[in-house]
């Protein structure tokens, strides 16, 4: 195995324990349709117990479930040219160093039970945290999360930001709470943000076009053109 391809997956596996004996399935550099054996090294299409590494351009052409996902810097994960949603159910974490993108048909959906790490472009139509439990969030990208983040019904726990994070699309955390670790300010670049935030004295930075809705903000510092639609509450302290 190419050592350069081990690093991104190691980031994911360092924060979430993989299944014992989980297989790592790596796409070829030339990629292809997810369902095609020629897309994957060893001619093995990933199954539900596998960890997946995207090394080239891979197009999702159906619904698939697996463990952890790592997108390499040269990797592109998108959907085949279809109008119906294509769903990836990820029981573990996602580490993105490449591109996760929709093809313009609003078709690529990700359901993620574990951590979210973004160091590339993450702009597929919808990313949905699922299940109950605490999870980590980090963002070292240039543009932030430009995917629509919408927690599923029944999702719960803390989403702990360990770095500054930018949301540039609509966010609905439902039963999740966003917790900002020290030094991890939150930037709302566009659209609405719905959910509870334990800001811990960090800044919440508003850019034009962003606003809060149905949110409880604890110990936050509001910066920029802060706007609220309705049912927004502040606890402990708020500084403007």
C-alpha atoms as a PDB file:
ATOM      1  CA  UNK A   1       0.000   0.000   0.000  1.00  0.00           C
ATOM      2  CA  UNK A   2       1.239   3.475  -0.880  1.00  0.00           C
ATOM      3  CA  UNK A   3       2.365   5.092   2.436  1.00  0.00           C
ATOM      4  CA  UNK A   4       0.967   8.442   1.274  1.00  0.00           C
ATOM      5  CA  UNK A   5      -2.473   6.891   1.254  1.00  0.00           C
ATOM      6  CA  UNK A   6      -2.283   5.665   4.805  1.00  0.00           C
ATOM      7  CA  UNK A   7      -2.124   9.126   6.421  1.00  0.00           C
ATOM      8  CA  UNK A   8      -5.659  10.433   5.703  1.00  0.00           C
ATOM      9  CA  UNK A   9      -7.266   7.209   6.844  1.00  0.00           C
ATOM     10  CA  UNK A  10      -5.049   7.134   9.915  1.00  0.00           C
ATOM     11  CA  UNK A  11      -6.492  10.520  10.896  1.00  0.00           C
ATOM     12  CA  UNK A  12      -9.974   9.029  10.841  1.00  0.00           C
ATOM     13  CA  UNK A  13      -9.043   5.857  12.655  1.00  0.00           C
ATOM     14  CA  UNK A  14      -7.147   7.790  15.330  1.00  0.00           C
ATOM     15  CA  UNK A  15     -10.374   9.303  16.613  1.00  0.00           C
ATOM     16  CA  UNK A  16     -12.776   6.411  16.155  1.00  0.00           C
ATOM     17  CA  UNK A  17     -12.073   2.762  16.808  1.00  0.00           C
ATOM     18  CA  UNK A  18     -12.650   0.734  13.634  1.00  0.00           C
ATOM     19  CA  UNK A  19     -14.259  -2.643  13.664  1.00  0.00           C
ATOM     20  CA  UNK A  20     -11.865  -5.413  14.535  1.00  0.00           C
ATOM     21  CA  UNK A  21     -10.393  -6.722  11.293  1.00  0.00           C
ATOM     22  CA  UNK A  22     -12.055  -4.029   9.167  1.00  0.00           C
ATOM     23  CA  UNK A  23     -10.881  -4.088   5.574  1.00  0.00           C
ATOM     24  CA  UNK A  24      -9.561  -0.911   3.920  1.00  0.00           C
ATOM     25  CA  UNK A  25     -10.832  -0.514   0.360  1.00  0.00           C
ATOM     26  CA  UNK A  26      -9.042   2.103  -1.774  1.00  0.00           C
ATOM     27  CA  UNK A  27     -10.261   3.463  -5.076  1.00  0.00           C
ATOM     28  CA  UNK A  28      -7.973   3.536  -8.079  1.00  0.00           C
ATOM     29  CA  UNK A  29      -6.485   6.820  -9.220  1.00  0.00           C
ATOM     30  CA  UNK A  30      -8.751   6.736 -12.287  1.00  0.00           C
ATOM     31  CA  UNK A  31     -11.883   6.098 -10.212  1.00  0.00           C
ATOM     32  CA  UNK A  32     -15.268   5.376 -11.771  1.00  0.00           C
ATOM     33  CA  UNK A  33     -18.737   4.354 -10.640  1.00  0.00           C
ATOM     34  CA  UNK A  34     -18.973   3.160  -7.034  1.00  0.00           C
ATOM     35  CA  UNK A  35     -20.659  -0.074  -8.107  1.00  0.00           C
ATOM     36  CA  UNK A  36     -17.960  -1.024 -10.640  1.00  0.00           C
ATOM     37  CA  UNK A  37     -15.252  -3.458  -9.559  1.00  0.00           C
ATOM     38  CA  UNK A  38     -12.774  -1.600 -11.781  1.00  0.00           C
ATOM     39  CA  UNK A  39     -13.143   1.473  -9.538  1.00  0.00           C
ATOM     40  CA  UNK A  40     -11.473  -0.267  -6.594  1.00  0.00           C
ATOM     41  CA  UNK A  41      -8.023  -1.712  -6.027  1.00  0.00           C
ATOM     42  CA  UNK A  42      -8.369  -5.471  -5.832  1.00  0.00           C
ATOM     43  CA  UNK A  43     -11.669  -5.266  -7.750  1.00  0.00           C
ATOM     44  CA  UNK A  44     -13.602  -5.248  -4.448  1.00  0.00           C
ATOM     45  CA  UNK A  45     -16.651  -3.016  -4.036  1.00  0.00           C
ATOM     46  CA  UNK A  46     -16.813  -1.854  -0.367  1.00  0.00           C
ATOM     47  CA  UNK A  47     -19.348  -3.502   1.927  1.00  0.00           C
ATOM     48  CA  UNK A  48     -20.787  -2.522   5.300  1.00  0.00           C
ATOM     49  CA  UNK A  49     -17.764  -3.628   7.363  1.00  0.00           C
ATOM     50  CA  UNK A  50     -15.163  -1.784   5.283  1.00  0.00           C
ATOM     51  CA  UNK A  51     -13.267   1.484   5.635  1.00  0.00           C
ATOM     52  CA  UNK A  52     -13.197   3.423   2.361  1.00  0.00           C
ATOM     53  CA  UNK A  53     -10.457   5.635   0.890  1.00  0.00           C
ATOM     54  CA  UNK A  54     -11.272   7.809  -2.131  1.00  0.00           C
ATOM     55  CA  UNK A  55      -8.078   8.350  -4.141  1.00  0.00           C
ATOM     56  CA  UNK A  56      -9.561   9.392  -7.488  1.00  0.00           C
ATOM     57  CA  UNK A  57     -12.889  10.574  -8.954  1.00  0.00           C
ATOM     58  CA  UNK A  58     -15.630   8.242  -7.668  1.00  0.00           C
ATOM     59  CA  UNK A  59     -19.291   8.675  -8.643  1.00  0.00           C
ATOM     60  CA  UNK A  60     -21.961   7.330  -6.284  1.00  0.00           C
ATOM     61  CA  UNK A  61     -24.617   5.484  -8.305  1.00  0.00           C
ATOM     62  CA  UNK A  62     -26.724   3.929  -5.543  1.00  0.00           C
ATOM     63  CA  UNK A  63     -27.107   3.601  -1.794  1.00  0.00           C
ATOM     64  CA  UNK A  64     -24.151   2.193   0.179  1.00  0.00           C
ATOM     65  CA  UNK A  65     -23.216   1.630   3.809  1.00  0.00           C
ATOM     66  CA  UNK A  66     -19.736   1.245   5.306  1.00  0.00           C
ATOM     67  CA  UNK A  67     -17.585   2.265   8.277  1.00  0.00           C
ATOM     68  CA  UNK A  68     -15.126   5.203   7.935  1.00  0.00           C
ATOM     69  CA  UNK A  69     -14.546   7.449   4.928  1.00  0.00           C
ATOM     70  CA  UNK A  70     -11.315   9.206   3.960  1.00  0.00           C
ATOM     71  CA  UNK A  71     -11.091  11.424   0.871  1.00  0.00           C
ATOM     72  CA  UNK A  72      -7.488  12.006  -0.187  1.00  0.00           C
ATOM     73  CA  UNK A  73      -6.232  15.362  -1.528  1.00  0.00           C
ATOM     74  CA  UNK A  74      -6.562  14.001  -5.087  1.00  0.00           C
ATOM     75  CA  UNK A  75      -9.878  12.308  -4.366  1.00  0.00           C
ATOM     76  CA  UNK A  76     -13.258  13.530  -5.633  1.00  0.00           C
ATOM     77  CA  UNK A  77     -16.495  12.054  -4.304  1.00  0.00           C
ATOM     78  CA  UNK A  78     -19.607  12.997  -6.252  1.00  0.00           C
ATOM     79  CA  UNK A  79     -22.748  11.376  -7.610  1.00  0.00           C
ATOM     80  CA  UNK A  80     -23.562   9.938 -10.984  1.00  0.00           C
ATOM     81  CA  UNK A  81     -25.698  12.104 -13.252  1.00  0.00           C
ATOM     82  CA  UNK A  82     -29.061  11.217 -11.764  1.00  0.00           C
ATOM     83  CA  UNK A  83     -31.797  13.287 -10.203  1.00  0.00           C
ATOM     84  CA  UNK A  84     -32.748  10.957  -7.355  1.00  0.00           C
ATOM     85  CA  UNK A  85     -30.797  11.113  -4.062  1.00  0.00           C
ATOM     86  CA  UNK A  86     -27.742   8.894  -3.684  1.00  0.00           C
ATOM     87  CA  UNK A  87     -27.151   8.077  -0.029  1.00  0.00           C
ATOM     88  CA  UNK A  88     -23.940   7.035   1.708  1.00  0.00           C
ATOM     89  CA  UNK A  89     -24.512   5.723   5.243  1.00  0.00           C
ATOM     90  CA  UNK A  90     -21.266   6.091   7.200  1.00  0.00           C
ATOM     91  CA  UNK A  91     -21.222   4.329  10.552  1.00  0.00           C
ATOM     92  CA  UNK A  92     -17.955   5.982  11.578  1.00  0.00           C
ATOM     93  CA  UNK A  93     -16.141   9.224  10.756  1.00  0.00           C
ATOM     94  CA  UNK A  94     -15.323  11.289   7.669  1.00  0.00           C
ATOM     95  CA  UNK A  95     -11.911  12.845   6.976  1.00  0.00           C
ATOM     96  CA  UNK A  96     -12.013  15.034   3.873  1.00  0.00           C
ATOM     97  CA  UNK A  97      -8.799  16.361   2.361  1.00  0.00           C
ATOM     98  CA  UNK A  98     -10.114  16.399  -1.185  1.00  0.00           C
ATOM     99  CA  UNK A  99     -13.508  17.188  -2.687  1.00  0.00           C
ATOM    100  CA  UNK A 100     -16.992  16.032  -1.683  1.00  0.00           C
ATOM    101  CA  UNK A 101     -19.293  17.738  -4.147  1.00  0.00           C
ATOM    102  CA  UNK A 102     -22.728  17.527  -5.693  1.00  0.00           C
ATOM    103  CA  UNK A 103     -23.012  17.446  -9.477  1.00  0.00           C
ATOM    104  CA  UNK A 104     -25.693  20.122  -9.639  1.00  0.00           C
ATOM    105  CA  UNK A 105     -28.639  17.760  -9.229  1.00  0.00           C
ATOM    106  CA  UNK A 106     -28.768  18.020  -5.403  1.00  0.00           C
ATOM    107  CA  UNK A 107     -28.383  14.261  -5.199  1.00  0.00           C
ATOM    108  CA  UNK A 108     -25.467  13.346  -2.928  1.00  0.00           C
ATOM    109  CA  UNK A 109     -26.505  12.834   0.706  1.00  0.00           C
ATOM    110  CA  UNK A 110     -24.233  11.642   3.519  1.00  0.00           C
ATOM    111  CA  UNK A 111     -25.462  10.205   6.812  1.00  0.00           C
ATOM    112  CA  UNK A 112     -22.577  10.241   9.311  1.00  0.00           C
ATOM    113  CA  UNK A 113     -22.611   8.682  12.772  1.00  0.00           C
ATOM    114  CA  UNK A 114     -19.130   9.826  13.777  1.00  0.00           C
ATOM    115  CA  UNK A 115     -16.719  12.758  13.562  1.00  0.00           C
ATOM    116  CA  UNK A 116     -16.478  15.339  10.768  1.00  0.00           C
ATOM    117  CA  UNK A 117     -13.031  16.597   9.693  1.00  0.00           C
ATOM    118  CA  UNK A 118     -12.820  19.005   6.753  1.00  0.00           C
ATOM    119  CA  UNK A 119      -9.571  20.131   5.155  1.00  0.00           C
ATOM    120  CA  UNK A 120     -10.823  20.323   1.573  1.00  0.00           C
ATOM    121  CA  UNK A 121     -14.069  21.181  -0.223  1.00  0.00           C
ATOM    122  CA  UNK A 122     -17.212  19.761   1.385  1.00  0.00           C
ATOM    123  CA  UNK A 123     -20.153  20.956  -0.697  1.00  0.00           C
ATOM    124  CA  UNK A 124     -22.451  18.023  -1.392  1.00  0.00           C
ATOM    125  CA  UNK A 125     -26.175  18.744  -1.088  1.00  0.00           C
ATOM    126  CA  UNK A 126     -26.778  17.442   2.443  1.00  0.00           C
ATOM    127  CA  UNK A 127     -24.765  15.974   5.334  1.00  0.00           C
ATOM    128  CA  UNK A 128     -26.803  14.478   8.166  1.00  0.00           C
ATOM    129  CA  UNK A 129     -25.414  13.591  11.610  1.00  0.00           C
ATOM    130  CA  UNK A 130     -27.220  10.499  12.867  1.00  0.00           C
ATOM    131  CA  UNK A 131     -27.498   8.488  16.096  1.00  0.00           C
ATOM    132  CA  UNK A 132     -26.849   9.542  19.701  1.00  0.00           C
ATOM    133  CA  UNK A 133     -23.385  10.308  21.045  1.00  0.00           C
ATOM    134  CA  UNK A 134     -20.712  12.958  21.250  1.00  0.00           C
ATOM    135  CA  UNK A 135     -18.609  13.584  18.164  1.00  0.00           C
ATOM    136  CA  UNK A 136     -15.811  15.900  17.030  1.00  0.00           C
ATOM    137  CA  UNK A 137     -15.824  18.604  14.385  1.00  0.00           C
ATOM    138  CA  UNK A 138     -12.811  20.307  12.807  1.00  0.00           C
ATOM    139  CA  UNK A 139     -12.444  22.679   9.875  1.00  0.00           C
ATOM    140  CA  UNK A 140      -9.091  23.667   8.406  1.00  0.00           C
ATOM    141  CA  UNK A 141     -10.470  24.306   4.932  1.00  0.00           C
ATOM    142  CA  UNK A 142     -10.582  27.594   3.051  1.00  0.00           C
ATOM    143  CA  UNK A 143     -14.327  27.775   2.414  1.00  0.00           C
ATOM    144  CA  UNK A 144     -15.687  25.892   5.403  1.00  0.00           C
ATOM    145  CA  UNK A 145     -18.605  23.475   5.299  1.00  0.00           C
ATOM    146  CA  UNK A 146     -20.711  24.487   2.304  1.00  0.00           C
ATOM    147  CA  UNK A 147     -22.904  21.410   2.595  1.00  0.00           C
ATOM    148  CA  UNK A 148     -26.350  21.728   4.165  1.00  0.00           C
ATOM    149  CA  UNK A 149     -26.001  20.161   7.636  1.00  0.00           C
ATOM    150  CA  UNK A 150     -29.228  18.707   9.015  1.00  0.00           C
ATOM    151  CA  UNK A 151     -29.273  16.296  11.943  1.00  0.00           C
ATOM    152  CA  UNK A 152     -31.767  13.456  11.595  1.00  0.00           C
ATOM    153  CA  UNK A 153     -34.679  12.956  13.973  1.00  0.00           C
ATOM    154  CA  UNK A 154     -33.409  11.215  17.092  1.00  0.00           C
ATOM    155  CA  UNK A 155     -29.812  12.411  16.738  1.00  0.00           C
ATOM    156  CA  UNK A 156     -28.362  13.662  20.014  1.00  0.00           C
ATOM    157  CA  UNK A 157     -25.213  14.498  21.935  1.00  0.00           C
ATOM    158  CA  UNK A 158     -22.523  17.142  21.618  1.00  0.00           C
ATOM    159  CA  UNK A 159     -20.822  18.157  18.394  1.00  0.00           C
ATOM    160  CA  UNK A 160     -17.507  19.456  19.744  1.00  0.00           C
ATOM    161  CA  UNK A 161     -15.619  21.924  17.527  1.00  0.00           C
ATOM    162  CA  UNK A 162     -11.882  21.539  18.156  1.00  0.00           C
ATOM    163  CA  UNK A 163     -10.912  24.256  15.638  1.00  0.00           C
ATOM    164  CA  UNK A 164     -12.550  27.437  14.369  1.00  0.00           C
ATOM    165  CA  UNK A 165     -15.383  26.354  12.077  1.00  0.00           C
ATOM    166  CA  UNK A 166     -17.247  28.035   9.229  1.00  0.00           C
ATOM    167  CA  UNK A 167     -20.726  27.105   8.054  1.00  0.00           C
ATOM    168  CA  UNK A 168     -21.584  28.525   4.637  1.00  0.00           C
ATOM    169  CA  UNK A 169     -24.938  26.833   4.177  1.00  0.00           C
ATOM    170  CA  UNK A 170     -28.069  26.134   6.202  1.00  0.00           C
ATOM    171  CA  UNK A 171     -27.517  24.335   9.518  1.00  0.00           C
ATOM    172  CA  UNK A 172     -30.183  22.530  11.542  1.00  0.00           C
ATOM    173  CA  UNK A 173     -28.703  20.649  14.489  1.00  0.00           C
ATOM    174  CA  UNK A 174     -32.056  19.424  15.866  1.00  0.00           C
ATOM    175  CA  UNK A 175     -31.195  17.488  19.061  1.00  0.00           C
ATOM    176  CA  UNK A 176     -27.438  18.060  18.829  1.00  0.00           C
ATOM    177  CA  UNK A 177     -25.593  20.777  20.747  1.00  0.00           C
ATOM    178  CA  UNK A 178     -22.605  22.552  19.217  1.00  0.00           C
ATOM    179  CA  UNK A 179     -19.826  22.985  21.784  1.00  0.00           C
ATOM    180  CA  UNK A 180     -16.968  25.372  20.965  1.00  0.00           C
ATOM    181  CA  UNK A 181     -13.642  24.393  22.514  1.00  0.00           C
ATOM    182  CA  UNK A 182     -11.337  27.228  23.656  1.00  0.00           C
ATOM    183  CA  UNK A 183     -10.138  29.247  20.660  1.00  0.00           C
ATOM    184  CA  UNK A 184     -12.733  27.698  18.339  1.00  0.00           C
ATOM    185  CA  UNK A 185     -14.834  30.584  17.118  1.00  0.00           C
ATOM    186  CA  UNK A 186     -17.863  29.992  14.902  1.00  0.00           C
ATOM    187  CA  UNK A 187     -18.415  31.812  11.603  1.00  0.00           C
ATOM    188  CA  UNK A 188     -21.840  31.845   9.976  1.00  0.00           C
ATOM    189  CA  UNK A 189     -21.111  32.814   6.397  1.00  0.00           C
ATOM    190  CA  UNK A 190     -24.589  32.461   4.881  1.00  0.00           C
ATOM    191  CA  UNK A 191     -28.089  31.127   5.512  1.00  0.00           C
ATOM    192  CA  UNK A 192     -29.704  30.197   8.820  1.00  0.00           C
ATOM    193  CA  UNK A 193     -28.298  28.439  11.867  1.00  0.00           C
ATOM    194  CA  UNK A 194     -30.721  26.447  14.026  1.00  0.00           C
ATOM    195  CA  UNK A 195     -29.539  24.723  17.188  1.00  0.00           C
ATOM    196  CA  UNK A 196     -28.032  25.198  20.616  1.00  0.00           C
ATOM    197  CA  UNK A 197     -24.478  26.473  21.059  1.00  0.00           C
ATOM    198  CA  UNK A 198     -22.298  26.242  24.173  1.00  0.00           C
ATOM    199  CA  UNK A 199     -19.951  28.983  23.016  1.00  0.00           C
ATOM    200  CA  UNK A 200     -17.665  29.004  26.048  1.00  0.00           C
ATOM    201  CA  UNK A 201     -16.858  32.692  25.574  1.00  0.00           C
ATOM    202  CA  UNK A 202     -15.873  32.231  21.929  1.00  0.00           C
ATOM    203  CA  UNK A 203     -16.955  34.576  19.165  1.00  0.00           C
ATOM    204  CA  UNK A 204     -19.878  33.826  16.883  1.00  0.00           C
ATOM    205  CA  UNK A 205     -19.103  35.796  13.748  1.00  0.00           C
ATOM    206  CA  UNK A 206     -21.949  36.778  11.453  1.00  0.00           C
ATOM    207  CA  UNK A 207     -21.461  37.586   7.807  1.00  0.00           C
ATOM    208  CA  UNK A 208     -24.140  39.284   5.723  1.00  0.00           C
ATOM    209  CA  UNK A 209     -27.055  36.962   5.012  1.00  0.00           C
ATOM    210  CA  UNK A 210     -26.663  34.768   8.107  1.00  0.00           C
ATOM    211  CA  UNK A 211     -29.031  34.628  11.079  1.00  0.00           C
ATOM    212  CA  UNK A 212     -30.100  32.551  14.077  1.00  0.00           C
ATOM    213  CA  UNK A 213     -33.401  30.731  14.375  1.00  0.00           C
ATOM    214  CA  UNK A 214     -34.739  28.486  17.176  1.00  0.00           C
ATOM    215  CA  UNK A 215     -31.427  28.610  19.052  1.00  0.00           C
ATOM    216  CA  UNK A 216     -30.131  28.875  22.608  1.00  0.00           C
ATOM    217  CA  UNK A 217     -26.692  30.498  22.818  1.00  0.00           C
ATOM    218  CA  UNK A 218     -24.745  30.128  26.052  1.00  0.00           C
ATOM    219  CA  UNK A 219     -21.847  32.477  26.894  1.00  0.00           C
ATOM    220  CA  UNK A 220     -21.296  33.836  23.396  1.00  0.00           C
ATOM    221  CA  UNK A 221     -19.679  36.931  21.895  1.00  0.00           C
ATOM    222  CA  UNK A 222     -21.604  38.153  18.851  1.00  0.00           C
ATOM    223  CA  UNK A 223     -19.523  39.811  16.138  1.00  0.00           C
ATOM    224  CA  UNK A 224     -20.705  41.460  12.932  1.00  0.00           C
ATOM    225  CA  UNK A 225     -24.281  41.967  11.684  1.00  0.00           C
ATOM    226  CA  UNK A 226     -25.881  39.567  14.174  1.00  0.00           C
ATOM    227  CA  UNK A 227     -29.474  38.772  13.285  1.00  0.00           C
ATOM    228  CA  UNK A 228     -32.154  36.552  14.762  1.00  0.00           C
ATOM    229  CA  UNK A 229     -35.391  35.372  13.216  1.00  0.00           C
ATOM    230  CA  UNK A 230     -37.426  33.995  16.138  1.00  0.00           C
ATOM    231  CA  UNK A 231     -37.186  31.869  19.295  1.00  0.00           C
ATOM    232  CA  UNK A 232     -33.548  32.766  20.040  1.00  0.00           C
ATOM    233  CA  UNK A 233     -32.396  32.802  23.664  1.00  0.00           C
ATOM    234  CA  UNK A 234     -29.192  33.727  25.445  1.00  0.00           C
ATOM    235  CA  UNK A 235     -28.038  32.183  28.722  1.00  0.00           C
ATOM    236  CA  UNK A 236     -25.188  32.859  31.180  1.00  0.00           C
ATOM    237  CA  UNK A 237     -23.842  35.833  29.214  1.00  0.00           C
ATOM    238  CA  UNK A 238     -24.013  37.496  25.836  1.00  0.00           C
ATOM    239  CA  UNK A 239     -21.583  40.120  24.579  1.00  0.00           C
ATOM    240  CA  UNK A 240     -22.026  42.169  21.434  1.00  0.00           C
END
